[in-house]
Amino acid sequence: MTIEQLVALKGGKYADNGATVTGTNSTNYRFLCVNDDVIFTALTDTDDNNVLTEWGIAGKTITAGMVLAPASGKPFKTVTVASGSVLLIKL
């Protein structure tokens, strides 16, 4: 079984080039794992905090294997991937 299949079984989500995933408190995407080197164009939590600004990663390439979560501890609301891919993990 692949990691993508395991994530899907838990209700997680795979997002890649140009994809936008919209989350809520109910979808509960608490963190994401970078699958392939990624650049985000939007990354917010459910309180509309800009996670790119919080972590100082706007316009930067985040390498495969990194794990990101909003500093607020809230779930992700908007995840827009310009290039690369991520796995959103639901708790």
Protein backbone atom coordinates (compact mmCIF):
# COMPACT_ATOMS: atom_id res chain seq x y z
CA MET A 1 0.00 0.00 0.00
CA THR A 2 1.36 3.45 -0.90
CA ILE A 3 1.44 6.47 1.42
CA GLU A 4 -1.15 8.14 -0.83
CA GLN A 5 -3.51 5.21 -0.28
CA LEU A 6 -2.98 5.34 3.48
CA VAL A 7 -3.69 9.09 3.53
CA ALA A 8 -6.87 8.55 1.50
CA LEU A 9 -8.08 5.89 3.94
CA LYS A 10 -7.88 8.43 6.77
CA GLY A 11 -9.77 11.05 4.74
CA GLY A 12 -6.62 12.97 3.82
CA LYS A 13 -6.00 14.63 0.49
CA TYR A 14 -3.31 14.65 -2.21
CA ALA A 15 -2.70 17.95 -4.01
CA ASP A 16 -0.28 18.70 -6.82
CA ASN A 17 0.57 21.24 -9.58
CA GLY A 18 -2.05 23.98 -9.67
CA ALA A 19 -4.44 22.29 -7.22
CA THR A 20 -6.34 24.16 -4.53
CA VAL A 21 -7.71 22.29 -1.54
CA THR A 22 -10.27 24.02 0.64
CA GLY A 23 -10.58 22.77 4.19
CA THR A 24 -12.81 23.48 7.18
CA ASN A 25 -12.81 22.62 10.86
CA SER A 26 -14.74 19.48 9.84
CA THR A 27 -12.17 18.30 7.28
CA ASN A 28 -9.54 18.85 9.99
CA TYR A 29 -6.40 18.91 7.80
CA ARG A 30 -3.98 19.57 10.67
CA PHE A 31 -0.67 19.22 8.88
CA LEU A 32 0.77 18.45 5.49
CA CYS A 33 3.72 16.45 4.26
CA VAL A 34 5.64 17.62 1.23
CA ASN A 35 5.66 14.74 -1.25
CA ASP A 36 7.64 16.45 -4.07
CA ASP A 37 9.48 19.78 -3.70
CA VAL A 38 6.68 22.36 -3.54
CA ILE A 39 5.98 26.06 -3.91
CA PHE A 40 2.70 27.36 -2.47
CA THR A 41 0.74 30.36 -3.72
CA ALA A 42 -1.71 30.23 -0.79
CA LEU A 43 -1.61 28.57 2.60
CA THR A 44 -4.07 29.66 5.30
CA ASP A 45 -5.65 28.24 8.43
CA THR A 46 -9.36 28.32 9.32
CA ASP A 47 -8.86 31.69 11.06
CA ASP A 48 -7.46 33.05 7.75
CA ASN A 49 -3.93 33.40 9.15
CA ASN A 50 -1.37 33.36 6.35
CA VAL A 51 0.85 30.35 7.07
CA LEU A 52 3.31 31.42 4.35
CA THR A 53 3.94 34.63 6.28
CA GLU A 54 3.99 32.91 9.69
CA TRP A 55 6.77 30.58 8.61
CA GLY A 56 8.52 32.99 6.18
CA ILE A 57 8.15 30.62 3.23
CA ALA A 58 6.32 32.78 0.68
CA GLY A 59 7.80 32.11 -2.77
CA LYS A 60 10.28 29.57 -1.42
CA THR A 61 10.73 25.94 -2.45
CA ILE A 62 9.95 23.57 0.39
CA THR A 63 11.76 20.27 -0.03
CA ALA A 64 10.27 16.80 -0.03
CA GLY A 65 9.88 15.28 3.41
CA MET A 66 9.11 18.53 5.25
CA VAL A 67 6.06 18.63 7.51
CA LEU A 68 4.14 21.90 7.95
CA ALA A 69 1.29 22.94 10.22
CA PRO A 70 -0.28 26.30 11.05
CA ALA A 71 1.30 27.93 14.12
CA SER A 72 -2.22 28.52 15.43
CA GLY A 73 -2.89 24.80 15.74
CA LYS A 74 -6.00 25.28 13.60
CA PRO A 75 -6.71 23.17 10.50
CA PHE A 76 -5.69 24.33 7.02
CA LYS A 77 -8.36 26.27 5.13
CA THR A 78 -6.68 27.01 1.80
CA VAL A 79 -3.77 25.11 0.29
CA THR A 80 -2.81 26.13 -3.25
CA VAL A 81 0.13 24.33 -4.81
CA ALA A 82 1.94 26.16 -7.63
CA SER A 83 4.29 23.24 -8.28
CA GLY A 84 5.16 19.99 -6.57
CA SER A 85 2.83 17.91 -4.40
CA VAL A 86 1.68 17.53 -0.81
CA LEU A 87 -0.33 15.15 1.31
CA LEU A 88 -2.80 16.81 3.67
CA ILE A 89 -3.19 14.77 6.83
CA LYS A 90 -6.48 14.63 8.70
CA LEU A 91 -6.58 13.92 12.42
